[in-house]
């Protein structure tokens, strides 16, 4: 015999306007949250083609520092942004 189930959350009940307003006010303050530098890298991806000269320089940098290519590029980008002033760029 088939057991018919009803959803627990009913859409027929009305929403509290004050609760909706509090939710909307909280959404406006999301910009103040700082991103976590140690968060998993699932936000965006980038495909970056290189020419032969750039690839050789990247491999040379990896050999000098003992880092992977991705790690070297990330560290270089973060160091560059931290070292430059907004007016320098």
N, C-alpha and C. Protein backbone atom coordinates (compact mmCIF):
# COMPACT_ATOMS: atom_id res chain seq x y z
N UNK A 1 0.83 -1.17 0.00
CA UNK A 1 0.00 0.00 0.00
C UNK A 1 0.89 1.25 0.00
N UNK A 2 0.53 2.24 -0.76
CA UNK A 2 1.30 3.45 -0.91
C UNK A 2 1.00 4.39 0.25
N UNK A 3 2.07 4.90 0.84
CA UNK A 3 1.90 5.84 1.95
C UNK A 3 2.02 7.26 1.39
N UNK A 4 0.97 8.00 1.48
CA UNK A 4 0.98 9.38 1.00
C UNK A 4 1.53 10.28 2.10
N UNK A 5 2.48 11.11 1.72
CA UNK A 5 3.12 11.99 2.70
C UNK A 5 2.80 13.43 2.37
N UNK A 6 2.60 14.19 3.38
CA UNK A 6 2.35 15.62 3.24
C UNK A 6 3.63 16.36 3.61
N UNK A 7 3.94 17.45 2.91
CA UNK A 7 5.14 18.22 3.28
C UNK A 7 4.99 18.83 4.67
N UNK A 8 6.10 18.83 5.42
CA UNK A 8 6.07 19.40 6.77
C UNK A 8 5.92 20.91 6.73
N UNK A 9 6.60 21.54 5.79
CA UNK A 9 6.51 23.00 5.66
C UNK A 9 5.34 23.33 4.76
N UNK A 10 4.44 24.05 5.29
CA UNK A 10 3.25 24.40 4.51
C UNK A 10 3.45 25.79 3.91
N UNK A 11 3.14 25.93 2.64
CA UNK A 11 3.27 27.22 1.99
C UNK A 11 2.03 28.08 2.21
N UNK A 12 1.02 27.51 2.83
CA UNK A 12 -0.23 28.26 3.01
C UNK A 12 -0.14 29.26 4.16
N UNK A 13 0.83 29.10 5.06
CA UNK A 13 0.88 30.04 6.18
C UNK A 13 1.56 31.34 5.73
N UNK A 14 1.11 32.41 6.28
CA UNK A 14 1.61 33.73 5.86
C UNK A 14 2.93 34.03 6.58
N UNK A 15 3.75 34.84 5.93
CA UNK A 15 5.03 35.23 6.49
C UNK A 15 4.86 36.45 7.39
N UNK A 16 5.63 36.48 8.45
CA UNK A 16 5.61 37.61 9.36
C UNK A 16 6.36 38.77 8.71
N UNK A 17 5.71 39.92 8.49
CA UNK A 17 6.39 41.05 7.82
C UNK A 17 7.62 41.55 8.57
N UNK A 18 7.60 41.50 9.90
CA UNK A 18 8.77 41.98 10.65
C UNK A 18 9.95 41.02 10.47
N UNK A 19 9.66 39.72 10.38
CA UNK A 19 10.73 38.75 10.16
C UNK A 19 11.34 38.93 8.77
N UNK A 20 10.51 39.21 7.79
CA UNK A 20 11.00 39.46 6.44
C UNK A 20 11.87 40.71 6.42
N UNK A 21 11.46 41.74 7.11
CA UNK A 21 12.24 42.99 7.16
C UNK A 21 13.58 42.78 7.85
N UNK A 22 13.61 42.01 8.95
CA UNK A 22 14.87 41.71 9.63
C UNK A 22 15.81 40.92 8.72
N UNK A 23 15.24 39.99 7.97
CA UNK A 23 16.05 39.22 7.03
C UNK A 23 16.66 40.12 5.96
N UNK A 24 15.87 41.05 5.44
CA UNK A 24 16.35 41.97 4.41
C UNK A 24 17.43 42.89 4.95
N UNK A 25 17.28 43.35 6.18
CA UNK A 25 18.30 44.21 6.78
C UNK A 25 19.62 43.45 6.96
N UNK A 26 19.53 42.20 7.33
CA UNK A 26 20.74 41.39 7.49
C UNK A 26 21.45 41.16 6.18
N UNK A 27 20.72 41.09 5.09
CA UNK A 27 21.33 40.87 3.78
C UNK A 27 22.15 42.07 3.33
N UNK A 28 21.80 43.24 3.80
CA UNK A 28 22.53 44.45 3.43
C UNK A 28 23.90 44.52 4.09
N UNK A 29 24.09 43.82 5.18
CA UNK A 29 25.35 43.89 5.94
C UNK A 29 26.33 42.80 5.55
N UNK A 30 26.08 42.08 4.51
CA UNK A 30 26.98 41.00 4.09
C UNK A 30 28.30 41.54 3.59
N UNK A 31 28.33 42.74 3.06
CA UNK A 31 29.57 43.32 2.52
C UNK A 31 30.63 43.49 3.60
N UNK A 32 30.24 43.58 4.87
CA UNK A 32 31.19 43.79 5.95
C UNK A 32 31.95 42.52 6.32
N UNK A 33 31.53 41.38 5.81
CA UNK A 33 32.19 40.12 6.13
C UNK A 33 33.45 39.97 5.28
N UNK A 34 34.58 39.73 5.95
CA UNK A 34 35.83 39.56 5.23
C UNK A 34 35.95 38.13 4.73
N UNK A 35 36.43 37.94 3.50
CA UNK A 35 36.63 36.58 2.99
C UNK A 35 37.74 35.87 3.76
N UNK A 36 37.60 34.58 3.93
CA UNK A 36 38.57 33.76 4.63
C UNK A 36 39.73 33.41 3.70
N UNK A 37 40.97 33.80 4.04
CA UNK A 37 42.09 33.48 3.15
C UNK A 37 42.40 31.99 3.09
N UNK A 38 41.89 31.21 4.04
CA UNK A 38 42.16 29.77 4.06
C UNK A 38 40.95 28.96 3.60
N UNK A 39 39.98 29.61 2.98
CA UNK A 39 38.78 28.92 2.52
C UNK A 39 39.13 27.98 1.36
N UNK A 40 38.32 26.96 1.13
CA UNK A 40 38.56 26.07 -0.01
C UNK A 40 38.49 26.84 -1.33
N UNK A 41 39.24 26.42 -2.29
CA UNK A 41 39.32 27.14 -3.57
C UNK A 41 38.24 26.63 -4.52
N UNK A 42 36.99 26.94 -4.19
CA UNK A 42 35.86 26.52 -5.01
C UNK A 42 35.08 27.70 -5.55
N UNK A 43 35.58 28.91 -5.38
CA UNK A 43 34.83 30.11 -5.76
C UNK A 43 34.88 30.39 -7.25
N UNK A 44 36.04 30.51 -7.82
CA UNK A 44 36.22 30.79 -9.26
C UNK A 44 37.45 30.04 -9.76
N UNK A 45 37.51 29.87 -11.06
CA UNK A 45 38.67 29.23 -11.69
C UNK A 45 39.12 30.10 -12.85
N UNK A 46 40.38 29.91 -13.24
CA UNK A 46 40.96 30.74 -14.27
C UNK A 46 41.82 29.87 -15.18
N UNK A 47 41.65 30.05 -16.47
CA UNK A 47 42.51 29.36 -17.45
C UNK A 47 43.48 30.41 -17.98
N UNK A 48 44.76 30.15 -17.83
CA UNK A 48 45.76 31.14 -18.14
C UNK A 48 46.79 30.56 -19.12
N UNK A 49 46.68 30.90 -20.39
CA UNK A 49 47.67 30.39 -21.36
C UNK A 49 49.00 31.16 -21.24
N UNK A 50 50.10 30.46 -21.49
CA UNK A 50 51.44 31.04 -21.43
C UNK A 50 52.12 30.86 -22.78
N UNK A 51 53.09 31.74 -23.06
CA UNK A 51 53.97 31.48 -24.19
C UNK A 51 55.19 30.72 -23.67
N UNK A 52 56.07 30.33 -24.55
CA UNK A 52 57.20 29.48 -24.16
C UNK A 52 58.13 30.20 -23.18
N UNK A 53 58.38 31.49 -23.41
CA UNK A 53 59.26 32.27 -22.52
C UNK A 53 58.67 32.34 -21.11
N UNK A 54 57.38 32.68 -21.02
CA UNK A 54 56.73 32.80 -19.70
C UNK A 54 56.72 31.47 -18.96
N UNK A 55 56.48 30.39 -19.70
CA UNK A 55 56.46 29.07 -19.07
C UNK A 55 57.84 28.71 -18.52
N UNK A 56 58.89 29.04 -19.27
CA UNK A 56 60.25 28.77 -18.80
C UNK A 56 60.55 29.56 -17.53
N UNK A 57 60.13 30.83 -17.50
CA UNK A 57 60.34 31.65 -16.31
C UNK A 57 59.57 31.10 -15.11
N UNK A 58 58.35 30.62 -15.37
CA UNK A 58 57.54 30.04 -14.30
C UNK A 58 58.21 28.80 -13.74
N UNK A 59 58.72 27.94 -14.61
CA UNK A 59 59.40 26.73 -14.15
C UNK A 59 60.69 27.08 -13.39
N UNK A 60 61.39 28.11 -13.86
CA UNK A 60 62.60 28.56 -13.16
C UNK A 60 62.25 29.05 -11.75
N UNK A 61 61.19 29.81 -11.66
CA UNK A 61 60.76 30.29 -10.33
C UNK A 61 60.35 29.15 -9.42
N UNK A 62 59.73 28.13 -9.97
CA UNK A 62 59.33 26.97 -9.17
C UNK A 62 60.55 26.21 -8.66
N UNK A 63 61.56 26.09 -9.51
CA UNK A 63 62.78 25.40 -9.09
C UNK A 63 63.50 26.18 -8.00
N UNK A 64 63.53 27.49 -8.12
CA UNK A 64 64.22 28.33 -7.12
C UNK A 64 63.51 28.28 -5.77
N UNK A 65 62.19 28.34 -5.78
CA UNK A 65 61.45 28.44 -4.53
C UNK A 65 60.97 27.10 -3.99
N UNK A 66 60.95 26.07 -4.82
CA UNK A 66 60.45 24.78 -4.37
C UNK A 66 58.93 24.74 -4.26
N UNK A 67 58.26 25.63 -4.95
CA UNK A 67 56.79 25.69 -4.92
C UNK A 67 56.22 25.11 -6.21
N UNK A 68 54.93 24.77 -6.14
CA UNK A 68 54.26 24.35 -7.36
C UNK A 68 53.95 25.59 -8.19
N UNK A 69 53.58 25.37 -9.44
CA UNK A 69 53.28 26.50 -10.32
C UNK A 69 52.09 27.31 -9.81
N UNK A 70 51.03 26.63 -9.41
CA UNK A 70 49.86 27.35 -8.90
C UNK A 70 50.18 28.11 -7.62
N UNK A 71 50.92 27.46 -6.73
CA UNK A 71 51.26 28.12 -5.48
C UNK A 71 52.14 29.34 -5.72
N UNK A 72 53.09 29.22 -6.63
CA UNK A 72 53.96 30.35 -6.96
C UNK A 72 53.15 31.52 -7.53
N UNK A 73 52.22 31.21 -8.44
CA UNK A 73 51.39 32.27 -9.02
C UNK A 73 50.50 32.93 -7.97
N UNK A 74 49.91 32.13 -7.09
CA UNK A 74 49.07 32.71 -6.03
C UNK A 74 49.88 33.61 -5.11
N UNK A 75 51.05 33.11 -4.67
CA UNK A 75 51.88 33.90 -3.76
C UNK A 75 52.37 35.18 -4.42
N UNK A 76 52.74 35.10 -5.68
CA UNK A 76 53.21 36.28 -6.40
C UNK A 76 52.08 37.31 -6.53
N UNK A 77 50.88 36.85 -6.82
CA UNK A 77 49.75 37.76 -6.96
C UNK A 77 49.44 38.43 -5.63
N UNK A 78 49.40 37.65 -4.55
CA UNK A 78 49.09 38.23 -3.24
C UNK A 78 50.18 39.20 -2.80
N UNK A 79 51.44 38.85 -3.04
CA UNK A 79 52.55 39.74 -2.67
C UNK A 79 52.50 41.03 -3.48
N UNK A 80 52.19 40.93 -4.75
CA UNK A 80 52.10 42.12 -5.60
C UNK A 80 50.99 43.05 -5.14
N UNK A 81 49.83 42.50 -4.86
CA UNK A 81 48.70 43.33 -4.45
C UNK A 81 48.97 43.96 -3.09
N UNK A 82 49.56 43.20 -2.16
CA UNK A 82 49.85 43.74 -0.84
C UNK A 82 50.94 44.81 -0.90
N UNK A 83 51.89 44.68 -1.82
CA UNK A 83 53.02 45.60 -1.89
C UNK A 83 52.68 46.90 -2.62
N UNK A 84 51.68 46.88 -3.47
CA UNK A 84 51.36 48.08 -4.23
C UNK A 84 50.24 48.85 -3.55
N UNK A 85 50.33 50.15 -3.70
CA UNK A 85 49.30 51.04 -3.18
C UNK A 85 48.20 51.16 -4.22
N UNK A 86 47.02 51.55 -3.82
CA UNK A 86 45.92 51.70 -4.78
C UNK A 86 46.27 52.71 -5.86
N UNK A 87 47.05 53.70 -5.56
CA UNK A 87 47.40 54.74 -6.53
C UNK A 87 48.48 54.28 -7.50
N UNK A 88 49.23 53.21 -7.14
CA UNK A 88 50.31 52.74 -8.00
C UNK A 88 49.82 51.95 -9.19
N UNK A 89 48.69 51.32 -9.04
CA UNK A 89 48.20 50.41 -10.10
C UNK A 89 47.62 51.17 -11.26
